Amino acid sequence: MYAVVDEFSMQACDLFAKWGRNISVTHRDAGIFTDEPFSSLNVILCRDLHQFPPIPHKASAALYYPCDAVVGNTEDE
């Protein structure tokens, strides 16, 4: 199974953490148990390499910032 995310550079790190957590919970409820990110769902990320990245509201919104999948991010909200 595949999920295609277009314009992933416009998404914040915590959104991917929430997606991964929700997909894992859904698979666990369906009886599929795995420790893999996104519960072994294949995720294809697409973007325009010539597009400027968005201006994040806070430093932890960037995809390259370390993210805690349990809480959503590492910065206090």
N, C-alpha and C. Protein backbone atom coordinates (compact mmCIF):
# COMPACT_ATOMS: atom_id res chain seq x y z
N MET A 1 0.84 -1.16 0.00
CA MET A 1 0.00 0.00 0.00
C MET A 1 0.90 1.24 0.00
N TYR A 2 0.49 2.26 -0.75
CA TYR A 2 1.29 3.47 -0.89
C TYR A 2 0.47 4.71 -0.53
N ALA A 3 1.15 5.70 0.02
CA ALA A 3 0.56 7.02 0.24
C ALA A 3 1.48 8.02 -0.45
N VAL A 4 0.92 8.89 -1.26
CA VAL A 4 1.70 9.90 -1.97
C VAL A 4 1.38 11.25 -1.36
N VAL A 5 2.42 11.95 -0.91
CA VAL A 5 2.27 13.27 -0.31
C VAL A 5 2.93 14.27 -1.24
N ASP A 6 2.13 15.14 -1.85
CA ASP A 6 2.65 16.16 -2.76
C ASP A 6 2.91 17.43 -1.95
N GLU A 7 3.90 18.19 -2.39
CA GLU A 7 4.29 19.43 -1.71
C GLU A 7 4.63 19.18 -0.24
N PHE A 8 5.41 18.12 0.01
CA PHE A 8 5.76 17.80 1.39
C PHE A 8 6.60 18.89 2.05
N SER A 9 7.27 19.72 1.27
CA SER A 9 8.07 20.78 1.85
C SER A 9 7.19 21.85 2.50
N MET A 10 5.90 21.84 2.20
CA MET A 10 4.98 22.80 2.80
C MET A 10 4.40 22.27 4.12
N GLN A 11 4.75 21.04 4.50
CA GLN A 11 4.21 20.42 5.71
C GLN A 11 5.23 20.54 6.84
N ALA A 12 4.75 20.63 8.05
CA ALA A 12 5.61 20.71 9.22
C ALA A 12 5.96 19.31 9.72
N CYS A 13 7.05 19.21 10.44
CA CYS A 13 7.52 17.94 10.98
C CYS A 13 6.48 17.28 11.87
N ASP A 14 5.81 18.06 12.71
CA ASP A 14 4.84 17.46 13.63
C ASP A 14 3.65 16.85 12.91
N LEU A 15 3.32 17.35 11.71
CA LEU A 15 2.22 16.77 10.94
C LEU A 15 2.57 15.35 10.50
N PHE A 16 3.81 15.13 10.05
CA PHE A 16 4.23 13.78 9.67
C PHE A 16 4.24 12.86 10.88
N ALA A 17 4.65 13.37 12.03
CA ALA A 17 4.63 12.56 13.26
C ALA A 17 3.20 12.14 13.60
N LYS A 18 2.26 13.07 13.46
CA LYS A 18 0.85 12.76 13.75
C LYS A 18 0.30 11.76 12.75
N TRP A 19 0.63 11.93 11.47
CA TRP A 19 0.17 10.96 10.44
C TRP A 19 0.69 9.57 10.76
N GLY A 20 1.98 9.48 11.06
CA GLY A 20 2.58 8.19 11.38
C GLY A 20 1.94 7.54 12.59
N ARG A 21 1.69 8.34 13.62
CA ARG A 21 1.06 7.82 14.83
C ARG A 21 -0.36 7.34 14.54
N ASN A 22 -1.14 8.13 13.79
CA ASN A 22 -2.52 7.75 13.47
C ASN A 22 -2.58 6.49 12.60
N ILE A 23 -1.67 6.38 11.65
CA ILE A 23 -1.64 5.18 10.80
C ILE A 23 -1.27 3.96 11.64
N SER A 24 -0.31 4.10 12.55
CA SER A 24 0.08 2.98 13.40
C SER A 24 -1.06 2.55 14.31
N VAL A 25 -1.80 3.50 14.86
CA VAL A 25 -2.95 3.17 15.72
C VAL A 25 -4.02 2.45 14.91
N THR A 26 -4.29 2.93 13.70
CA THR A 26 -5.29 2.30 12.84
C THR A 26 -4.89 0.87 12.50
N HIS A 27 -3.62 0.66 12.16
CA HIS A 27 -3.15 -0.69 11.84
C HIS A 27 -3.19 -1.59 13.07
N ARG A 28 -2.82 -1.04 14.22
CA ARG A 28 -2.86 -1.83 15.46
C ARG A 28 -4.29 -2.28 15.75
N ASP A 29 -5.25 -1.38 15.57
CA ASP A 29 -6.66 -1.73 15.80
C ASP A 29 -7.15 -2.78 14.81
N ALA A 30 -6.52 -2.84 13.63
CA ALA A 30 -6.88 -3.84 12.62
C ALA A 30 -6.12 -5.15 12.82
N GLY A 31 -5.27 -5.21 13.85
CA GLY A 31 -4.53 -6.44 14.14
C GLY A 31 -3.18 -6.53 13.47
N ILE A 32 -2.69 -5.43 12.91
CA ILE A 32 -1.37 -5.40 12.27
C ILE A 32 -0.39 -4.76 13.25
N PHE A 33 0.58 -5.52 13.75
CA PHE A 33 1.51 -5.01 14.74
C PHE A 33 2.91 -4.90 14.13
N THR A 34 3.48 -3.71 14.17
CA THR A 34 4.83 -3.48 13.66
C THR A 34 5.41 -2.24 14.34
N ASP A 35 6.74 -2.19 14.44
CA ASP A 35 7.42 -1.03 15.02
C ASP A 35 7.95 -0.09 13.95
N GLU A 36 7.67 -0.39 12.69
CA GLU A 36 8.18 0.42 11.59
C GLU A 36 7.44 1.76 11.52
N PRO A 37 8.14 2.82 11.07
CA PRO A 37 7.46 4.10 10.88
C PRO A 37 6.33 3.97 9.88
N PHE A 38 5.25 4.64 10.11
CA PHE A 38 4.06 4.59 9.26
C PHE A 38 3.53 3.16 9.15
N SER A 39 3.88 2.31 10.11
CA SER A 39 3.36 0.94 10.19
C SER A 39 3.52 0.20 8.87
N SER A 40 4.68 0.30 8.27
CA SER A 40 5.06 -0.36 7.01
C SER A 40 4.29 0.14 5.79
N LEU A 41 3.59 1.27 5.90
CA LEU A 41 2.95 1.91 4.74
C LEU A 41 4.06 2.61 3.95
N ASN A 42 4.11 2.40 2.64
CA ASN A 42 5.10 3.06 1.80
C ASN A 42 4.65 4.50 1.55
N VAL A 43 5.48 5.46 1.89
CA VAL A 43 5.15 6.87 1.74
C VAL A 43 6.08 7.47 0.69
N ILE A 44 5.49 8.07 -0.34
CA ILE A 44 6.25 8.71 -1.41
C ILE A 44 6.07 10.22 -1.25
N LEU A 45 7.19 10.93 -1.07
CA LEU A 45 7.16 12.38 -0.87
C LEU A 45 7.56 13.07 -2.17
N CYS A 46 6.75 14.01 -2.62
CA CYS A 46 7.00 14.75 -3.86
C CYS A 46 7.06 16.24 -3.56
N ARG A 47 7.89 16.95 -4.31
CA ARG A 47 7.95 18.40 -4.15
C ARG A 47 8.60 19.04 -5.36
N ASP A 48 8.42 20.32 -5.49
CA ASP A 48 9.07 21.11 -6.53
C ASP A 48 10.39 21.61 -5.95
N LEU A 49 11.50 21.13 -6.47
CA LEU A 49 12.81 21.48 -5.91
C LEU A 49 13.17 22.95 -6.11
N HIS A 50 12.49 23.65 -7.01
CA HIS A 50 12.79 25.06 -7.26
C HIS A 50 11.88 25.99 -6.47
N GLN A 51 11.01 25.43 -5.66
CA GLN A 51 10.09 26.25 -4.88
C GLN A 51 10.73 26.63 -3.55
N PHE A 52 10.51 27.86 -3.11
CA PHE A 52 11.02 28.29 -1.82
C PHE A 52 10.24 27.60 -0.71
N PRO A 53 10.92 27.23 0.37
CA PRO A 53 10.21 26.60 1.49
C PRO A 53 9.34 27.64 2.21
N PRO A 54 8.30 27.19 2.89
CA PRO A 54 7.45 28.13 3.63
C PRO A 54 8.19 28.68 4.84
N ILE A 55 7.74 29.80 5.35
CA ILE A 55 8.30 30.37 6.56
C ILE A 55 7.56 29.74 7.73
N PRO A 56 8.26 28.95 8.57
CA PRO A 56 7.58 28.26 9.67
C PRO A 56 7.19 29.23 10.78
N HIS A 57 6.16 28.86 11.52
CA HIS A 57 5.72 29.68 12.65
C HIS A 57 6.67 29.55 13.83
N LYS A 58 7.34 28.42 13.94
CA LYS A 58 8.32 28.22 15.00
C LYS A 58 9.45 27.35 14.45
N ALA A 59 10.57 27.33 15.12
CA ALA A 59 11.77 26.64 14.62
C ALA A 59 11.54 25.15 14.40
N SER A 60 10.73 24.53 15.23
CA SER A 60 10.56 23.07 15.13
C SER A 60 9.63 22.66 14.00
N ALA A 61 9.08 23.61 13.25
CA ALA A 61 8.16 23.26 12.17
C ALA A 61 8.88 22.72 10.94
N ALA A 62 10.16 22.99 10.82
CA ALA A 62 10.90 22.52 9.64
C ALA A 62 11.08 21.01 9.68
N LEU A 63 11.08 20.37 8.50
CA LEU A 63 11.19 18.92 8.43
C LEU A 63 12.54 18.41 8.92
N TYR A 64 13.58 19.23 8.84
CA TYR A 64 14.91 18.78 9.26
C TYR A 64 15.10 18.89 10.76
N TYR A 65 14.15 19.48 11.50
CA TYR A 65 14.24 19.62 12.95
C TYR A 65 13.85 18.29 13.60
N PRO A 66 14.59 17.81 14.60
CA PRO A 66 14.23 16.53 15.23
C PRO A 66 12.82 16.57 15.81
N CYS A 67 12.12 15.48 15.67
CA CYS A 67 10.72 15.43 16.05
C CYS A 67 10.45 14.23 16.96
N ASP A 68 9.62 14.42 17.97
CA ASP A 68 9.22 13.33 18.85
C ASP A 68 7.84 12.87 18.41
N ALA A 69 7.74 11.67 17.87
CA ALA A 69 6.48 11.17 17.31
C ALA A 69 5.40 10.98 18.36
N VAL A 70 5.78 10.82 19.61
CA VAL A 70 4.78 10.62 20.66
C VAL A 70 4.07 11.92 20.98
N VAL A 71 4.82 13.00 21.11
CA VAL A 71 4.23 14.28 21.48
C VAL A 71 3.92 15.13 20.26
N GLY A 72 4.64 14.98 19.19
CA GLY A 72 4.42 15.78 17.99
C GLY A 72 5.62 16.62 17.64
N ASN A 73 6.32 17.17 18.65
CA ASN A 73 7.55 17.91 18.39
C ASN A 73 8.36 17.99 19.68
N THR A 74 9.53 18.59 19.60
CA THR A 74 10.40 18.65 20.77
C THR A 74 10.35 20.00 21.46
N GLU A 75 9.63 20.93 20.91
CA GLU A 75 9.55 22.27 21.47
C GLU A 75 8.33 22.38 22.36
N ASP A 76 8.44 23.07 23.48
CA ASP A 76 7.27 23.28 24.34
C ASP A 76 6.24 24.12 23.63
N GLU A 77 4.98 23.71 23.76
CA GLU A 77 3.91 24.46 23.07
C GLU A 77 3.25 25.41 24.02
